[in-house]
C-alpha atoms as a PDB file:
ATOM      1  CA  UNK A   1     109.376 117.938 118.543  1.00  0.00           C
ATOM      2  CA  UNK A   2     111.557 120.096 121.069  1.00  0.00           C
ATOM      3  CA  UNK A   3     109.851 121.025 124.246  1.00  0.00           C
ATOM      4  CA  UNK A   4     110.267 124.803 125.025  1.00  0.00           C
ATOM      5  CA  UNK A   5     112.790 125.828 127.543  1.00  0.00           C
ATOM      6  CA  UNK A   6     111.438 128.311 130.332  1.00  0.00           C
ATOM      7  CA  UNK A   7     111.356 131.751 128.762  1.00  0.00           C
ATOM      8  CA  UNK A   8     112.534 130.385 125.322  1.00  0.00           C
ATOM      9  CA  UNK A   9     110.466 129.825 122.279  1.00  0.00           C
ATOM     10  CA  UNK A  10     110.764 127.113 119.825  1.00  0.00           C
ATOM     11  CA  UNK A  11     110.975 127.718 116.237  1.00  0.00           C
ATOM     12  CA  UNK A  12     108.318 126.286 114.025  1.00  0.00           C
ATOM     13  CA  UNK A  13     108.929 123.221 112.359  1.00  0.00           C
ATOM     14  CA  UNK A  14     109.480 123.137 108.484  1.00  0.00           C
ATOM     15  CA  UNK A  15     106.222 122.144 106.345  1.00  0.00           C
ATOM     16  CA  UNK A  16     106.992 119.033 104.327  1.00  0.00           C
ATOM     17  CA  UNK A  17     106.020 118.797 100.968  1.00  0.00           C
ATOM     18  CA  UNK A  18     103.773 115.955 100.102  1.00  0.00           C
ATOM     19  CA  UNK A  19     105.809 115.655  96.940  1.00  0.00           C
ATOM     20  CA  UNK A  20     108.868 115.592  98.632  1.00  0.00           C
ATOM     21  CA  UNK A  21     112.208 117.435  97.805  1.00  0.00           C
ATOM     22  CA  UNK A  22     113.643 117.306  94.067  1.00  0.00           C
ATOM     23  CA  UNK A  23     116.434 115.192  94.460  1.00  0.00           C
ATOM     24  CA  UNK A  24     116.608 111.592  95.900  1.00  0.00           C
ATOM     25  CA  UNK A  25     116.464 107.803  94.447  1.00  0.00           C
ATOM     26  CA  UNK A  26     113.981 107.232  91.646  1.00  0.00           C
ATOM     27  CA  UNK A  27     111.261 105.082  92.915  1.00  0.00           C
ATOM     28  CA  UNK A  28     111.764 101.478  92.722  1.00  0.00           C
ATOM     29  CA  UNK A  29     109.741 100.911  89.821  1.00  0.00           C
ATOM     30  CA  UNK A  30     112.693 102.519  88.161  1.00  0.00           C
ATOM     31  CA  UNK A  31     115.470 100.387  89.175  1.00  0.00           C
ATOM     32  CA  UNK A  32     113.488  97.436  88.215  1.00  0.00           C
ATOM     33  CA  UNK A  33     112.673  98.827  84.596  1.00  0.00           C
ATOM     34  CA  UNK A  34     116.387  99.642  84.042  1.00  0.00           C
ATOM     35  CA  UNK A  35     117.962  96.634  85.347  1.00  0.00           C
ATOM     36  CA  UNK A  36     115.453  94.595  82.944  1.00  0.00           C
ATOM     37  CA  UNK A  37     115.974  96.704  80.018  1.00  0.00           C
ATOM     38  CA  UNK A  38     120.041  96.416  80.407  1.00  0.00           C
ATOM     39  CA  UNK A  39     119.681  92.495  80.971  1.00  0.00           C
ATOM     40  CA  UNK A  40     117.534  92.691  77.805  1.00  0.00           C
ATOM     41  CA  UNK A  41     120.665  94.157  75.667  1.00  0.00           C
ATOM     42  CA  UNK A  42     122.898  91.799  77.618  1.00  0.00           C
ATOM     43  CA  UNK A  43     120.772  88.741  76.722  1.00  0.00           C
ATOM     44  CA  UNK A  44     120.205  89.681  73.138  1.00  0.00           C
ATOM     45  CA  UNK A  45     123.627  90.414  72.472  1.00  0.00           C
ATOM     46  CA  UNK A  46     123.629  94.297  71.752  1.00  0.00           C
ATOM     47  CA  UNK A  47     125.686  94.646  74.973  1.00  0.00           C
ATOM     48  CA  UNK A  48     129.004  92.812  75.227  1.00  0.00           C
ATOM     49  CA  UNK A  49     130.419  94.195  77.825  1.00  0.00           C
ATOM     50  CA  UNK A  50     134.393  93.850  78.680  1.00  0.00           C
ATOM     51  CA  UNK A  51     134.203  95.408  81.758  1.00  0.00           C
ATOM     52  CA  UNK A  52     131.886  96.774  84.301  1.00  0.00           C
ATOM     53  CA  UNK A  53     131.813 100.215  83.458  1.00  0.00           C
ATOM     54  CA  UNK A  54     130.138  99.268  79.775  1.00  0.00           C
ATOM     55  CA  UNK A  55     127.395  98.061  82.294  1.00  0.00           C
ATOM     56  CA  UNK A  56     127.529 101.033  84.040  1.00  0.00           C
ATOM     57  CA  UNK A  57     127.203 103.147  81.095  1.00  0.00           C
ATOM     58  CA  UNK A  58     124.329 101.579  79.813  1.00  0.00           C
ATOM     59  CA  UNK A  59     122.402 102.120  83.170  1.00  0.00           C
ATOM     60  CA  UNK A  60     123.491 105.703  83.015  1.00  0.00           C
ATOM     61  CA  UNK A  61     122.151 106.232  79.475  1.00  0.00           C
ATOM     62  CA  UNK A  62     119.059 104.206  80.237  1.00  0.00           C
ATOM     63  CA  UNK A  63     118.347 106.695  83.027  1.00  0.00           C
ATOM     64  CA  UNK A  64     118.964 109.754  81.160  1.00  0.00           C
ATOM     65  CA  UNK A  65     117.031 108.743  77.937  1.00  0.00           C
ATOM     66  CA  UNK A  66     113.946 108.105  80.720  1.00  0.00           C
ATOM     67  CA  UNK A  67     114.437 111.596  82.521  1.00  0.00           C
ATOM     68  CA  UNK A  68     116.248 110.539  85.384  1.00  0.00           C
ATOM     69  CA  UNK A  69     119.501 112.387  86.677  1.00  0.00           C
ATOM     70  CA  UNK A  70     121.643 109.961  88.551  1.00  0.00           C
ATOM     71  CA  UNK A  71     125.007 109.559  89.394  1.00  0.00           C
ATOM     72  CA  UNK A  72     127.428 106.830  88.576  1.00  0.00           C
ATOM     73  CA  UNK A  73     127.565 105.640  92.659  1.00  0.00           C
ATOM     74  CA  UNK A  74     123.880 105.112  92.536  1.00  0.00           C
ATOM     75  CA  UNK A  75     124.344 102.106  89.766  1.00  0.00           C
ATOM     76  CA  UNK A  76     127.751 101.108  90.736  1.00  0.00           C
ATOM     77  CA  UNK A  77     126.656  98.177  92.661  1.00  0.00           C
ATOM     78  CA  UNK A  78     123.787  97.061  90.474  1.00  0.00           C
ATOM     79  CA  UNK A  79     126.250  97.456  87.442  1.00  0.00           C
ATOM     80  CA  UNK A  80     128.669  95.411  89.254  1.00  0.00           C
ATOM     81  CA  UNK A  81     126.036  92.437  90.254  1.00  0.00           C
ATOM     82  CA  UNK A  82     124.931  92.372  86.438  1.00  0.00           C
ATOM     83  CA  UNK A  83     127.994  92.433  84.954  1.00  0.00           C
ATOM     84  CA  UNK A  84     129.100  89.043  87.535  1.00  0.00           C
ATOM     85  CA  UNK A  85     125.670  87.449  86.474  1.00  0.00           C
ATOM     86  CA  UNK A  86     126.625  88.128  82.854  1.00  0.00           C
ATOM     87  CA  UNK A  87     130.326  86.970  83.063  1.00  0.00           C
ATOM     88  CA  UNK A  88     129.403  83.600  84.999  1.00  0.00           C
ATOM     89  CA  UNK A  89     125.969  82.983  83.583  1.00  0.00           C
ATOM     90  CA  UNK A  90     125.348  85.042  80.867  1.00  0.00           C
ATOM     91  CA  UNK A  91     127.835  84.057  78.169  1.00  0.00           C
ATOM     92  CA  UNK A  92     126.617  80.602  78.863  1.00  0.00           C
ATOM     93  CA  UNK A  93     123.212  81.017  78.432  1.00  0.00           C
ATOM     94  CA  UNK A  94     123.827  83.126  75.140  1.00  0.00           C
ATOM     95  CA  UNK A  95     125.821  80.293  73.640  1.00  0.00           C
ATOM     96  CA  UNK A  96     123.530  77.605  74.601  1.00  0.00           C
ATOM     97  CA  UNK A  97     125.246  76.038  77.575  1.00  0.00           C
ATOM     98  CA  UNK A  98     124.136  74.834  80.886  1.00  0.00           C
END
């Protein structure tokens, strides 16, 4: 809060809406649900990506199907981690290897 300078007034602070602004990141539960859903696609062979972009697109599609409009940059790091896990562990798991 700003303190008034002698002879000057301080503008009113804007009201903070209880619900927040319309944009921003979806709630944490959304991210968990999306990652579990896409991991399930990988596990069951319904998504067999050759590139990280395919995982990213699956995440974006899932988000859109569940009413969220998120940017590619918002899922990029998560898609990278999931794709790397699929590349190193996922294929071994799907083949029954250890």
